[in-house]
Amino acid sequence: MLTDATILFQIAGIGIIVALIHTILKQMGKEEIAQFATLIGFIIVLVLVIDGLSELFQQIKSVFLFQG
């Protein structure tokens, strides 16, 4: 249960940081770099979510197939 909250806070933190970086770069006139930074942040969050789903499926598999 604690790791669920940790993942949510990590995703929220990454989102806030990426939003700040995007805003700063856009105001500086570097819109291409701002979009690239947003894309990198999205990829990082996607990797976190995929890792969490992988752990979830392993737990489901161990419950229904009675493996440790």
C-alpha atoms as a PDB file:
ATOM      1  CA  MET A   1       0.000   0.000   0.000  1.00  0.00           C
ATOM      2  CA  LEU A   2       2.853   2.373   0.754  1.00  0.00           C
ATOM      3  CA  THR A   3       4.489   1.811  -2.643  1.00  0.00           C
ATOM      4  CA  ASP A   4       1.242   2.793  -4.384  1.00  0.00           C
ATOM      5  CA  ALA A   5       1.352   6.207  -2.760  1.00  0.00           C
ATOM      6  CA  THR A   6       5.070   6.507  -3.488  1.00  0.00           C
ATOM      7  CA  ILE A   7       4.540   5.921  -7.201  1.00  0.00           C
ATOM      8  CA  LEU A   8       1.761   8.510  -7.279  1.00  0.00           C
ATOM      9  CA  PHE A   9       3.959  11.096  -5.556  1.00  0.00           C
ATOM     10  CA  GLN A  10       6.843  10.331  -7.937  1.00  0.00           C
ATOM     11  CA  ILE A  11       4.599  10.815 -10.967  1.00  0.00           C
ATOM     12  CA  ALA A  12       3.192  14.047  -9.521  1.00  0.00           C
ATOM     13  CA  GLY A  13       6.693  15.334  -8.752  1.00  0.00           C
ATOM     14  CA  ILE A  14       7.939  14.549 -12.237  1.00  0.00           C
ATOM     15  CA  GLY A  15       4.874  16.266 -13.695  1.00  0.00           C
ATOM     16  CA  ILE A  16       5.442  19.427 -11.674  1.00  0.00           C
ATOM     17  CA  ILE A  17       9.143  19.580 -12.554  1.00  0.00           C
ATOM     18  CA  VAL A  18       8.496  18.976 -16.253  1.00  0.00           C
ATOM     19  CA  ALA A  19       5.757  21.634 -16.257  1.00  0.00           C
ATOM     20  CA  LEU A  20       8.144  24.168 -14.714  1.00  0.00           C
ATOM     21  CA  ILE A  21      10.913  23.322 -17.186  1.00  0.00           C
ATOM     22  CA  HIS A  22       8.456  23.517 -20.077  1.00  0.00           C
ATOM     23  CA  THR A  23       7.160  26.918 -18.963  1.00  0.00           C
ATOM     24  CA  ILE A  24      10.625  28.365 -18.462  1.00  0.00           C
ATOM     25  CA  LEU A  25      11.898  27.123 -21.816  1.00  0.00           C
ATOM     26  CA  LYS A  26       8.783  28.312 -23.637  1.00  0.00           C
ATOM     27  CA  GLN A  27       9.133  31.814 -22.175  1.00  0.00           C
ATOM     28  CA  MET A  28      12.760  31.838 -23.304  1.00  0.00           C
ATOM     29  CA  GLY A  29      11.600  31.124 -26.845  1.00  0.00           C
ATOM     30  CA  LYS A  30      12.957  27.588 -27.017  1.00  0.00           C
ATOM     31  CA  GLU A  31       9.705  25.803 -27.781  1.00  0.00           C
ATOM     32  CA  GLU A  32      11.322  22.812 -29.494  1.00  0.00           C
ATOM     33  CA  ILE A  33      13.463  22.057 -26.450  1.00  0.00           C
ATOM     34  CA  ALA A  34      10.423  22.554 -24.197  1.00  0.00           C
ATOM     35  CA  GLN A  35       8.479  19.961 -26.188  1.00  0.00           C
ATOM     36  CA  PHE A  36      11.462  17.604 -26.038  1.00  0.00           C
ATOM     37  CA  ALA A  37      11.642  18.012 -22.242  1.00  0.00           C
ATOM     38  CA  THR A  38       7.926  17.224 -21.981  1.00  0.00           C
ATOM     39  CA  LEU A  39       8.410  14.133 -24.125  1.00  0.00           C
ATOM     40  CA  ILE A  40      11.281  12.943 -21.925  1.00  0.00           C
ATOM     41  CA  GLY A  41       9.140  13.456 -18.807  1.00  0.00           C
ATOM     42  CA  PHE A  42       6.309  11.476 -20.388  1.00  0.00           C
ATOM     43  CA  ILE A  43       8.685   8.623 -21.244  1.00  0.00           C
ATOM     44  CA  ILE A  44      10.015   8.530 -17.667  1.00  0.00           C
ATOM     45  CA  VAL A  45       6.469   8.353 -16.267  1.00  0.00           C
ATOM     46  CA  LEU A  46       5.569   5.691 -18.825  1.00  0.00           C
ATOM     47  CA  VAL A  47       8.526   3.554 -17.696  1.00  0.00           C
ATOM     48  CA  LEU A  48       7.424   3.921 -14.062  1.00  0.00           C
ATOM     49  CA  VAL A  49       3.870   2.873 -14.919  1.00  0.00           C
ATOM     50  CA  ILE A  50       5.014  -0.102 -17.011  1.00  0.00           C
ATOM     51  CA  ASP A  51       7.279  -1.246 -14.177  1.00  0.00           C
ATOM     52  CA  GLY A  52       4.378  -1.009 -11.718  1.00  0.00           C
ATOM     53  CA  LEU A  53       2.095  -2.957 -14.048  1.00  0.00           C
ATOM     54  CA  SER A  54       4.758  -5.621 -14.454  1.00  0.00           C
ATOM     55  CA  GLU A  55       4.944  -6.071 -10.686  1.00  0.00           C
ATOM     56  CA  LEU A  56       1.145  -6.210 -10.488  1.00  0.00           C
ATOM     57  CA  PHE A  57       0.936  -8.929 -13.134  1.00  0.00           C
ATOM     58  CA  GLN A  58       3.662 -10.934 -11.378  1.00  0.00           C
ATOM     59  CA  GLN A  59       1.667 -10.790  -8.139  1.00  0.00           C
ATOM     60  CA  ILE A  60      -1.535 -11.816  -9.915  1.00  0.00           C
ATOM     61  CA  LYS A  61       0.309 -14.660 -11.631  1.00  0.00           C
ATOM     62  CA  SER A  62       1.733 -15.881  -8.315  1.00  0.00           C
ATOM     63  CA  VAL A  63      -1.717 -15.796  -6.682  1.00  0.00           C
ATOM     64  CA  PHE A  64      -3.587 -17.672  -9.390  1.00  0.00           C
ATOM     65  CA  LEU A  65      -0.818 -20.106 -10.337  1.00  0.00           C
ATOM     66  CA  PHE A  66       0.263 -20.690  -6.701  1.00  0.00           C
ATOM     67  CA  GLN A  67       3.897 -19.888  -7.400  1.00  0.00           C
ATOM     68  CA  GLY A  68       6.251 -17.954  -5.172  1.00  0.00           C
END
